[in-house]
Amino acid sequence: MPGLLRGVARTAVVAGTATTVSNRVSRRQANKWSQQDQQQYEQQQYAQQPPPAPAPAAAPAPDPIAQLKQLGELHSQGVLTDEEFAAQKAKILAS
């Protein structure tokens, strides 16, 4: 009987060790595969993003002569007072 008990105990230890090792290997593989899946997912997300829009071109500088002509027309039509005309004219010439 002691020999039978020893054999059963040894089998239990071997089976328990094998189960522990098997579970550890399975967890490592699952972690490795999930990391690979995550990397592939991130690469796909990055590839699907549209390229950034180009920076808008700077607006062309307004022509001061054209602005002064328009300002003069507004003044002659009576839309601008003498003071407003002078202030806007000074602003255009200063820039």
PDB file of N, CA and C in Angstrom:
ATOM      1  N   MET A   1       0.805  -1.196   0.000  1.00  0.00           N
ATOM      2  CA  MET A   1       0.000   0.000   0.000  1.00  0.00           C
ATOM      3  C   MET A   1       0.857   1.273   0.000  1.00  0.00           C
ATOM      4  N   PRO A   2       1.962   1.329   0.753  1.00  0.00           N
ATOM      5  CA  PRO A   2       2.763   2.547   0.711  1.00  0.00           C
ATOM      6  C   PRO A   2       3.332   2.793  -0.682  1.00  0.00           C
ATOM      7  N   GLY A   3       3.624   1.741  -1.445  1.00  0.00           N
ATOM      8  CA  GLY A   3       4.152   1.920  -2.787  1.00  0.00           C
ATOM      9  C   GLY A   3       3.100   2.516  -3.711  1.00  0.00           C
ATOM     10  N   LEU A   4       1.854   2.105  -3.515  1.00  0.00           N
ATOM     11  CA  LEU A   4       0.756   2.625  -4.329  1.00  0.00           C
ATOM     12  C   LEU A   4       0.523   4.099  -4.035  1.00  0.00           C
ATOM     13  N   LEU A   5       0.580   4.445  -2.755  1.00  0.00           N
ATOM     14  CA  LEU A   5       0.393   5.831  -2.351  1.00  0.00           C
ATOM     15  C   LEU A   5       1.509   6.715  -2.906  1.00  0.00           C
ATOM     16  N   ARG A   6       2.734   6.189  -2.851  1.00  0.00           N
ATOM     17  CA  ARG A   6       3.857   6.943  -3.383  1.00  0.00           C
ATOM     18  C   ARG A   6       3.690   7.166  -4.894  1.00  0.00           C
ATOM     19  N   GLY A   7       3.226   6.186  -5.618  1.00  0.00           N
ATOM     20  CA  GLY A   7       3.015   6.295  -7.068  1.00  0.00           C
ATOM     21  C   GLY A   7       1.931   7.309  -7.391  1.00  0.00           C
ATOM     22  N   VAL A   8       0.852   7.307  -6.615  1.00  0.00           N
ATOM     23  CA  VAL A   8      -0.243   8.258  -6.818  1.00  0.00           C
ATOM     24  C   VAL A   8       0.242   9.668  -6.514  1.00  0.00           C
ATOM     25  N   ALA A   9       1.011   9.829  -5.453  1.00  0.00           N
ATOM     26  CA  ALA A   9       1.520  11.145  -5.080  1.00  0.00           C
ATOM     27  C   ALA A   9       2.458  11.661  -6.166  1.00  0.00           C
ATOM     28  N   ARG A  10       3.320  10.796  -6.654  1.00  0.00           N
ATOM     29  CA  ARG A  10       4.248  11.208  -7.703  1.00  0.00           C
ATOM     30  C   ARG A  10       3.469  11.622  -8.959  1.00  0.00           C
ATOM     31  N   THR A  11       2.457  10.877  -9.319  1.00  0.00           N
ATOM     32  CA  THR A  11       1.638  11.204 -10.484  1.00  0.00           C
ATOM     33  C   THR A  11       0.945  12.548 -10.291  1.00  0.00           C
ATOM     34  N   ALA A  12       0.467  12.800  -9.094  1.00  0.00           N
ATOM     35  CA  ALA A  12      -0.198  14.069  -8.813  1.00  0.00           C
ATOM     36  C   ALA A  12       0.772  15.233  -8.931  1.00  0.00           C
ATOM     37  N   VAL A  13       1.984  15.066  -8.451  1.00  0.00           N
ATOM     38  CA  VAL A  13       2.984  16.132  -8.533  1.00  0.00           C
ATOM     39  C   VAL A  13       3.348  16.384  -9.983  1.00  0.00           C
ATOM     40  N   VAL A  14       3.565  15.318 -10.747  1.00  0.00           N
ATOM     41  CA  VAL A  14       3.919  15.473 -12.156  1.00  0.00           C
ATOM     42  C   VAL A  14       2.767  16.126 -12.923  1.00  0.00           C
ATOM     43  N   ALA A  15       1.551  15.705 -12.669  1.00  0.00           N
ATOM     44  CA  ALA A  15       0.388  16.278 -13.360  1.00  0.00           C
ATOM     45  C   ALA A  15       0.208  17.751 -12.982  1.00  0.00           C
ATOM     46  N   GLY A  16       0.400  18.065 -11.697  1.00  0.00           N
ATOM     47  CA  GLY A  16       0.269  19.453 -11.256  1.00  0.00           C
ATOM     48  C   GLY A  16       1.340  20.336 -11.885  1.00  0.00           C
ATOM     49  N   THR A  17       2.573  19.843 -11.953  1.00  0.00           N
ATOM     50  CA  THR A  17       3.660  20.598 -12.564  1.00  0.00           C
ATOM     51  C   THR A  17       3.388  20.790 -14.050  1.00  0.00           C
ATOM     52  N   ALA A  18       2.952  19.747 -14.714  1.00  0.00           N
ATOM     53  CA  ALA A  18       2.663  19.842 -16.145  1.00  0.00           C
ATOM     54  C   ALA A  18       1.540  20.837 -16.404  1.00  0.00           C
ATOM     55  N   THR A  19       0.527  20.854 -15.575  1.00  0.00           N
ATOM     56  CA  THR A  19      -0.574  21.793 -15.734  1.00  0.00           C
ATOM     57  C   THR A  19      -0.092  23.228 -15.539  1.00  0.00           C
ATOM     58  N   THR A  20       0.739  23.447 -14.526  1.00  0.00           N
ATOM     59  CA  THR A  20       1.265  24.786 -14.259  1.00  0.00           C
ATOM     60  C   THR A  20       2.104  25.281 -15.421  1.00  0.00           C
ATOM     61  N   VAL A  21       2.985  24.426 -15.920  1.00  0.00           N
ATOM     62  CA  VAL A  21       3.841  24.815 -17.042  1.00  0.00           C
ATOM     63  C   VAL A  21       2.991  25.081 -18.277  1.00  0.00           C
ATOM     64  N   SER A  22       2.034  24.233 -18.533  1.00  0.00           N
ATOM     65  CA  SER A  22       1.163  24.396 -19.701  1.00  0.00           C
ATOM     66  C   SER A  22       0.377  25.706 -19.627  1.00  0.00           C
ATOM     67  N   ASN A  23      -0.152  26.018 -18.451  1.00  0.00           N
ATOM     68  CA  ASN A  23      -0.905  27.262 -18.288  1.00  0.00           C
ATOM     69  C   ASN A  23      -0.004  28.485 -18.489  1.00  0.00           C
ATOM     70  N   ARG A  24       1.230  28.410 -17.959  1.00  0.00           N
ATOM     71  CA  ARG A  24       2.157  29.520 -18.108  1.00  0.00           C
ATOM     72  C   ARG A  24       2.510  29.736 -19.580  1.00  0.00           C
ATOM     73  N   VAL A  25       2.755  28.660 -20.307  1.00  0.00           N
ATOM     74  CA  VAL A  25       3.070  28.766 -21.738  1.00  0.00           C
ATOM     75  C   VAL A  25       1.877  29.348 -22.491  1.00  0.00           C
ATOM     76  N   SER A  26       0.695  28.888 -22.157  1.00  0.00           N
ATOM     77  CA  SER A  26      -0.515  29.394 -22.827  1.00  0.00           C
ATOM     78  C   SER A  26      -0.693  30.890 -22.584  1.00  0.00           C
ATOM     79  N   ARG A  27      -0.474  31.332 -21.342  1.00  0.00           N
ATOM     80  CA  ARG A  27      -0.606  32.757 -21.030  1.00  0.00           C
ATOM     81  C   ARG A  27       0.422  33.591 -21.780  1.00  0.00           C
ATOM     82  N   ARG A  28       1.664  33.098 -21.828  1.00  0.00           N
ATOM     83  CA  ARG A  28       2.704  33.834 -22.552  1.00  0.00           C
ATOM     84  C   ARG A  28       2.357  33.954 -24.034  1.00  0.00           C
ATOM     85  N   GLN A  29       1.897  32.862 -24.626  1.00  0.00           N
ATOM     86  CA  GLN A  29       1.531  32.905 -26.035  1.00  0.00           C
ATOM     87  C   GLN A  29       0.354  33.850 -26.267  1.00  0.00           C
ATOM     88  N   ALA A  30      -0.630  33.795 -25.389  1.00  0.00           N
ATOM     89  CA  ALA A  30      -1.790  34.679 -25.535  1.00  0.00           C
ATOM     90  C   ALA A  30      -1.369  36.138 -25.419  1.00  0.00           C
ATOM     91  N   ASN A  31      -0.490  36.457 -24.470  1.00  0.00           N
ATOM     92  CA  ASN A  31      -0.005  37.836 -24.336  1.00  0.00           C
ATOM     93  C   ASN A  31       0.764  38.276 -25.571  1.00  0.00           C
ATOM     94  N   LYS A  32       1.618  37.380 -26.073  1.00  0.00           N
ATOM     95  CA  LYS A  32       2.404  37.702 -27.260  1.00  0.00           C
ATOM     96  C   LYS A  32       1.489  37.948 -28.455  1.00  0.00           C
ATOM     97  N   TRP A  33       0.485  37.105 -28.636  1.00  0.00           N
ATOM     98  CA  TRP A  33      -0.429  37.257 -29.767  1.00  0.00           C
ATOM     99  C   TRP A  33      -1.283  38.513 -29.619  1.00  0.00           C
ATOM    100  N   SER A  34      -1.684  38.812 -28.400  1.00  0.00           N
ATOM    101  CA  SER A  34      -2.503  40.020 -28.216  1.00  0.00           C
ATOM    102  C   SER A  34      -1.668  41.271 -28.492  1.00  0.00           C
ATOM    103  N   GLN A  35      -0.379  41.253 -28.132  1.00  0.00           N
ATOM    104  CA  GLN A  35       0.487  42.386 -28.445  1.00  0.00           C
ATOM    105  C   GLN A  35       0.670  42.526 -29.949  1.00  0.00           C
ATOM    106  N   GLN A  36       0.830  41.407 -30.639  1.00  0.00           N
ATOM    107  CA  GLN A  36       0.971  41.454 -32.094  1.00  0.00           C
ATOM    108  C   GLN A  36      -0.321  41.972 -32.730  1.00  0.00           C
ATOM    109  N   ASP A  37      -1.458  41.499 -32.222  1.00  0.00           N
ATOM    110  CA  ASP A  37      -2.745  41.979 -32.738  1.00  0.00           C
ATOM    111  C   ASP A  37      -2.898  43.468 -32.500  1.00  0.00           C
ATOM    112  N   GLN A  38      -2.497  43.944 -31.324  1.00  0.00           N
ATOM    113  CA  GLN A  38      -2.592  45.359 -30.990  1.00  0.00           C
ATOM    114  C   GLN A  38      -1.714  46.186 -31.917  1.00  0.00           C
ATOM    115  N   GLN A  39      -0.496  45.710 -32.191  1.00  0.00           N
ATOM    116  CA  GLN A  39       0.404  46.427 -33.091  1.00  0.00           C
ATOM    117  C   GLN A  39      -0.175  46.480 -34.498  1.00  0.00           C
ATOM    118  N   GLN A  40      -0.730  45.373 -34.965  1.00  0.00           N
ATOM    119  CA  GLN A  40      -1.339  45.355 -36.299  1.00  0.00           C
ATOM    120  C   GLN A  40      -2.532  46.297 -36.345  1.00  0.00           C
ATOM    121  N   TYR A  41      -3.335  46.311 -35.291  1.00  0.00           N
ATOM    122  CA  TYR A  41      -4.492  47.194 -35.238  1.00  0.00           C
ATOM    123  C   TYR A  41      -4.052  48.652 -35.295  1.00  0.00           C
ATOM    124  N   GLU A  42      -3.012  48.996 -34.517  1.00  0.00           N
ATOM    125  CA  GLU A  42      -2.524  50.376 -34.511  1.00  0.00           C
ATOM    126  C   GLU A  42      -1.953  50.762 -35.871  1.00  0.00           C
ATOM    127  N   GLN A  43      -1.257  49.834 -36.520  1.00  0.00           N
ATOM    128  CA  GLN A  43      -0.715  50.118 -37.845  1.00  0.00           C
ATOM    129  C   GLN A  43      -1.848  50.346 -38.847  1.00  0.00           C
ATOM    130  N   GLN A  44      -2.913  49.559 -38.745  1.00  0.00           N
ATOM    131  CA  GLN A  44      -4.049  49.733 -39.639  1.00  0.00           C
ATOM    132  C   GLN A  44      -4.730  51.069 -39.384  1.00  0.00           C
ATOM    133  N   GLN A  45      -4.872  51.435 -38.122  1.00  0.00           N
ATOM    134  CA  GLN A  45      -5.506  52.703 -37.791  1.00  0.00           C
ATOM    135  C   GLN A  45      -4.670  53.857 -38.314  1.00  0.00           C
ATOM    136  N   TYR A  46      -3.349  53.739 -38.179  1.00  0.00           N
ATOM    137  CA  TYR A  46      -2.462  54.793 -38.657  1.00  0.00           C
ATOM    138  C   TYR A  46      -2.536  54.891 -40.179  1.00  0.00           C
ATOM    139  N   ALA A  47      -2.605  53.743 -40.849  1.00  0.00           N
ATOM    140  CA  ALA A  47      -2.656  53.739 -42.315  1.00  0.00           C
ATOM    141  C   ALA A  47      -3.984  54.299 -42.822  1.00  0.00           C
ATOM    142  N   GLN A  48      -5.054  54.151 -42.049  1.00  0.00           N
ATOM    143  CA  GLN A  48      -6.364  54.609 -42.487  1.00  0.00           C
ATOM    144  C   GLN A  48      -6.593  56.093 -42.234  1.00  0.00           C
ATOM    145  N   GLN A  49      -5.754  56.711 -41.435  1.00  0.00           N
ATOM    146  CA  GLN A  49      -5.934  58.130 -41.154  1.00  0.00           C
ATOM    147  C   GLN A  49      -5.609  58.930 -42.404  1.00  0.00           C
ATOM    148  N   PRO A  50      -6.440  59.918 -42.707  1.00  0.00           N
ATOM    149  CA  PRO A  50      -6.133  60.741 -43.883  1.00  0.00           C
ATOM    150  C   PRO A  50      -4.900  61.581 -43.622  1.00  0.00           C
ATOM    151  N   PRO A  51      -4.170  61.876 -44.667  1.00  0.00           N
ATOM    152  CA  PRO A  51      -2.978  62.708 -44.460  1.00  0.00           C
ATOM    153  C   PRO A  51      -3.396  64.097 -43.987  1.00  0.00           C
ATOM    154  N   PRO A  52      -2.544  64.741 -43.219  1.00  0.00           N
ATOM    155  CA  PRO A  52      -2.910  66.073 -42.725  1.00  0.00           C
ATOM    156  C   PRO A  52      -3.060  67.041 -43.889  1.00  0.00           C
ATOM    157  N   ALA A  53      -4.016  67.924 -43.738  1.00  0.00           N
ATOM    158  CA  ALA A  53      -4.277  68.907 -44.782  1.00  0.00           C
ATOM    159  C   ALA A  53      -3.101  69.873 -44.877  1.00  0.00           C
ATOM    160  N   PRO A  54      -2.771  70.284 -46.094  1.00  0.00           N
ATOM    161  CA  PRO A  54      -1.668  71.240 -46.209  1.00  0.00           C
ATOM    162  C   PRO A  54      -2.056  72.569 -45.579  1.00  0.00           C
ATOM    163  N   ALA A  55      -1.068  73.274 -45.114  1.00  0.00           N
ATOM    164  CA  ALA A  55      -1.319  74.560 -44.470  1.00  0.00           C
ATOM    165  C   ALA A  55      -1.897  75.523 -45.507  1.00  0.00           C
ATOM    166  N   PRO A  56      -2.908  76.283 -45.115  1.00  0.00           N
ATOM    167  CA  PRO A  56      -3.498  77.213 -46.077  1.00  0.00           C
ATOM    168  C   PRO A  56      -2.473  78.265 -46.495  1.00  0.00           C
ATOM    169  N   ALA A  57      -2.547  78.616 -47.743  1.00  0.00           N
ATOM    170  CA  ALA A  57      -1.623  79.622 -48.260  1.00  0.00           C
ATOM    171  C   ALA A  57      -1.955  80.970 -47.638  1.00  0.00           C
ATOM    172  N   ALA A  58      -0.943  81.746 -47.416  1.00  0.00           N
ATOM    173  CA  ALA A  58      -1.151  83.065 -46.831  1.00  0.00           C
ATOM    174  C   ALA A  58      -1.935  83.923 -47.816  1.00  0.00           C
ATOM    175  N   ALA A  59      -2.865  84.670 -47.286  1.00  0.00           N
ATOM    176  CA  ALA A  59      -3.681  85.535 -48.134  1.00  0.00           C
ATOM    177  C   ALA A  59      -2.782  86.605 -48.760  1.00  0.00           C
ATOM    178  N   PRO A  60      -3.002  86.887 -50.030  1.00  0.00           N
ATOM    179  CA  PRO A  60      -2.166  87.908 -50.658  1.00  0.00           C
ATOM    180  C   PRO A  60      -2.399  89.257 -49.988  1.00  0.00           C
ATOM    181  N   ALA A  61      -1.351  90.019 -49.904  1.00  0.00           N
ATOM    182  CA  ALA A  61      -1.452  91.335 -49.276  1.00  0.00           C
ATOM    183  C   ALA A  61      -2.372  92.211 -50.125  1.00  0.00           C
ATOM    184  N   PRO A  62      -3.312  92.894 -49.485  1.00  0.00           N
ATOM    185  CA  PRO A  62      -4.236  93.733 -50.243  1.00  0.00           C
ATOM    186  C   PRO A  62      -3.479  94.886 -50.909  1.00  0.00           C
ATOM    187  N   ASP A  63      -3.900  95.219 -52.094  1.00  0.00           N
ATOM    188  CA  ASP A  63      -3.277  96.301 -52.849  1.00  0.00           C
ATOM    189  C   ASP A  63      -3.698  97.638 -52.239  1.00  0.00           C
ATOM    190  N   PRO A  64      -2.763  98.422 -51.731  1.00  0.00           N
ATOM    191  CA  PRO A  64      -3.142  99.684 -51.076  1.00  0.00           C
ATOM    192  C   PRO A  64      -3.772 100.679 -52.054  1.00  0.00           C
ATOM    193  N   ILE A  65      -3.372 100.650 -53.304  1.00  0.00           N
ATOM    194  CA  ILE A  65      -3.956 101.569 -54.289  1.00  0.00           C
ATOM    195  C   ILE A  65      -5.434 101.246 -54.485  1.00  0.00           C
ATOM    196  N   ALA A  66      -5.737  99.947 -54.624  1.00  0.00           N
ATOM    197  CA  ALA A  66      -7.130  99.538 -54.806  1.00  0.00           C
ATOM    198  C   ALA A  66      -7.949  99.894 -53.564  1.00  0.00           C
ATOM    199  N   GLN A  67      -7.362  99.704 -52.389  1.00  0.00           N
ATOM    200  CA  GLN A  67      -8.070 100.038 -51.160  1.00  0.00           C
ATOM    201  C   GLN A  67      -8.348 101.545 -51.078  1.00  0.00           C
ATOM    202  N   LEU A  68      -7.370 102.337 -51.460  1.00  0.00           N
ATOM    203  CA  LEU A  68      -7.572 103.792 -51.423  1.00  0.00           C
ATOM    204  C   LEU A  68      -8.644 104.222 -52.414  1.00  0.00           C
ATOM    205  N   LYS A  69      -8.675 103.592 -53.600  1.00  0.00           N
ATOM    206  CA  LYS A  69      -9.707 103.920 -54.591  1.00  0.00           C
ATOM    207  C   LYS A  69     -11.088 103.583 -54.042  1.00  0.00           C
ATOM    208  N   GLN A  70     -11.199 102.395 -53.439  1.00  0.00           N
ATOM    209  CA  GLN A  70     -12.491 101.980 -52.869  1.00  0.00           C
ATOM    210  C   GLN A  70     -12.895 102.920 -51.732  1.00  0.00           C
ATOM    211  N   LEU A  71     -11.919 103.294 -50.923  1.00  0.00           N
ATOM    212  CA  LEU A  71     -12.185 104.211 -49.820  1.00  0.00           C
ATOM    213  C   LEU A  71     -12.643 105.571 -50.350  1.00  0.00           C
ATOM    214  N   GLY A  72     -11.991 106.039 -51.419  1.00  0.00           N
ATOM    215  CA  GLY A  72     -12.379 107.310 -52.028  1.00  0.00           C
ATOM    216  C   GLY A  72     -13.791 107.264 -52.585  1.00  0.00           C
ATOM    217  N   GLU A  73     -14.165 106.132 -53.197  1.00  0.00           N
ATOM    218  CA  GLU A  73     -15.525 105.989 -53.728  1.00  0.00           C
ATOM    219  C   GLU A  73     -16.551 106.031 -52.603  1.00  0.00           C
ATOM    220  N   LEU A  74     -16.247 105.332 -51.498  1.00  0.00           N
ATOM    221  CA  LEU A  74     -17.170 105.348 -50.358  1.00  0.00           C
ATOM    222  C   LEU A  74     -17.304 106.756 -49.784  1.00  0.00           C
ATOM    223  N   HIS A  75     -16.209 107.487 -49.752  1.00  0.00           N
ATOM    224  CA  HIS A  75     -16.249 108.850 -49.229  1.00  0.00           C
ATOM    225  C   HIS A  75     -17.052 109.757 -50.157  1.00  0.00           C
ATOM    226  N   SER A  76     -16.850 109.606 -51.472  1.00  0.00           N
ATOM    227  CA  SER A  76     -17.578 110.452 -52.420  1.00  0.00           C
ATOM    228  C   SER A  76     -19.070 110.119 -52.450  1.00  0.00           C
ATOM    229  N   GLN A  77     -19.430 108.889 -52.126  1.00  0.00           N
ATOM    230  CA  GLN A  77     -20.850 108.501 -52.084  1.00  0.00           C
ATOM    231  C   GLN A  77     -21.505 108.952 -50.791  1.00  0.00           C
ATOM    232  N   GLY A  78     -20.712 109.395 -49.841  1.00  0.00           N
ATOM    233  CA  GLY A  78     -21.271 109.858 -48.582  1.00  0.00           C
ATOM    234  C   GLY A  78     -21.400 108.773 -47.529  1.00  0.00           C
ATOM    235  N   VAL A  79     -20.858 107.586 -47.820  1.00  0.00           N
ATOM    236  CA  VAL A  79     -20.930 106.490 -46.848  1.00  0.00           C
ATOM    237  C   VAL A  79     -19.993 106.773 -45.675  1.00  0.00           C
ATOM    238  N   LEU A  80     -18.818 107.364 -45.964  1.00  0.00           N
ATOM    239  CA  LEU A  80     -17.842 107.673 -44.919  1.00  0.00           C
ATOM    240  C   LEU A  80     -17.795 109.179 -44.676  1.00  0.00           C
ATOM    241  N   THR A  81     -17.646 109.527 -43.419  1.00  0.00           N
ATOM    242  CA  THR A  81     -17.454 110.941 -43.079  1.00  0.00           C
ATOM    243  C   THR A  81     -15.994 111.313 -43.337  1.00  0.00           C
ATOM    244  N   ASP A  82     -15.700 112.609 -43.261  1.00  0.00           N
ATOM    245  CA  ASP A  82     -14.333 113.061 -43.467  1.00  0.00           C
ATOM    246  C   ASP A  82     -13.374 112.447 -42.440  1.00  0.00           C
ATOM    247  N   GLU A  83     -13.843 112.349 -41.187  1.00  0.00           N
ATOM    248  CA  GLU A  83     -13.002 111.791 -40.130  1.00  0.00           C
ATOM    249  C   GLU A  83     -12.747 110.298 -40.360  1.00  0.00           C
ATOM    250  N   GLU A  84     -13.807 109.545 -40.729  1.00  0.00           N
ATOM    251  CA  GLU A  84     -13.652 108.114 -40.997  1.00  0.00           C
ATOM    252  C   GLU A  84     -12.731 107.890 -42.192  1.00  0.00           C
ATOM    253  N   PHE A  85     -12.900 108.720 -43.233  1.00  0.00           N
ATOM    254  CA  PHE A  85     -12.068 108.603 -44.421  1.00  0.00           C
ATOM    255  C   PHE A  85     -10.602 108.830 -44.061  1.00  0.00           C
ATOM    256  N   ALA A  86     -10.326 109.851 -43.283  1.00  0.00           N
ATOM    257  CA  ALA A  86      -8.956 110.175 -42.904  1.00  0.00           C
ATOM    258  C   ALA A  86      -8.342 109.058 -42.051  1.00  0.00           C
ATOM    259  N   ALA A  87      -9.148 108.507 -41.133  1.00  0.00           N
ATOM    260  CA  ALA A  87      -8.641 107.452 -40.259  1.00  0.00           C
ATOM    261  C   ALA A  87      -8.314 106.195 -41.073  1.00  0.00           C
ATOM    262  N   GLN A  88      -9.204 105.808 -41.975  1.00  0.00           N
ATOM    263  CA  GLN A  88      -8.975 104.607 -42.778  1.00  0.00           C
ATOM    264  C   GLN A  88      -7.823 104.810 -43.750  1.00  0.00           C
ATOM    265  N   LYS A  89      -7.712 106.021 -44.308  1.00  0.00           N
ATOM    266  CA  LYS A  89      -6.610 106.339 -45.221  1.00  0.00           C
ATOM    267  C   LYS A  89      -5.274 106.243 -44.503  1.00  0.00           C
ATOM    268  N   ALA A  90      -5.211 106.771 -43.288  1.00  0.00           N
ATOM    269  CA  ALA A  90      -3.978 106.699 -42.502  1.00  0.00           C
ATOM    270  C   ALA A  90      -3.614 105.244 -42.175  1.00  0.00           C
ATOM    271  N   LYS A  91      -4.636 104.423 -41.873  1.00  0.00           N
ATOM    272  CA  LYS A  91      -4.419 103.019 -41.553  1.00  0.00           C
ATOM    273  C   LYS A  91      -3.861 102.281 -42.773  1.00  0.00           C
ATOM    274  N   ILE A  92      -4.408 102.547 -43.951  1.00  0.00           N
ATOM    275  CA  ILE A  92      -3.938 101.889 -45.179  1.00  0.00           C
ATOM    276  C   ILE A  92      -2.515 102.312 -45.495  1.00  0.00           C
ATOM    277  N   LEU A  93      -2.221 103.595 -45.371  1.00  0.00           N
ATOM    278  CA  LEU A  93      -0.885 104.086 -45.708  1.00  0.00           C
ATOM    279  C   LEU A  93       0.159 103.644 -44.691  1.00  0.00           C
ATOM    280  N   ALA A  94      -0.264 103.376 -43.458  1.00  0.00           N
ATOM    281  CA  ALA A  94       0.672 102.955 -42.423  1.00  0.00           C
ATOM    282  C   ALA A  94       1.090 101.497 -42.612  1.00  0.00           C
ATOM    283  N   SER A  95       0.249 100.701 -43.249  1.00  0.00           N
ATOM    284  CA  SER A  95       0.575  99.278 -43.383  1.00  0.00           C
ATOM    285  C   SER A  95       1.428  98.964 -44.564  1.00  0.00           C
TER     286      SER A  95
END
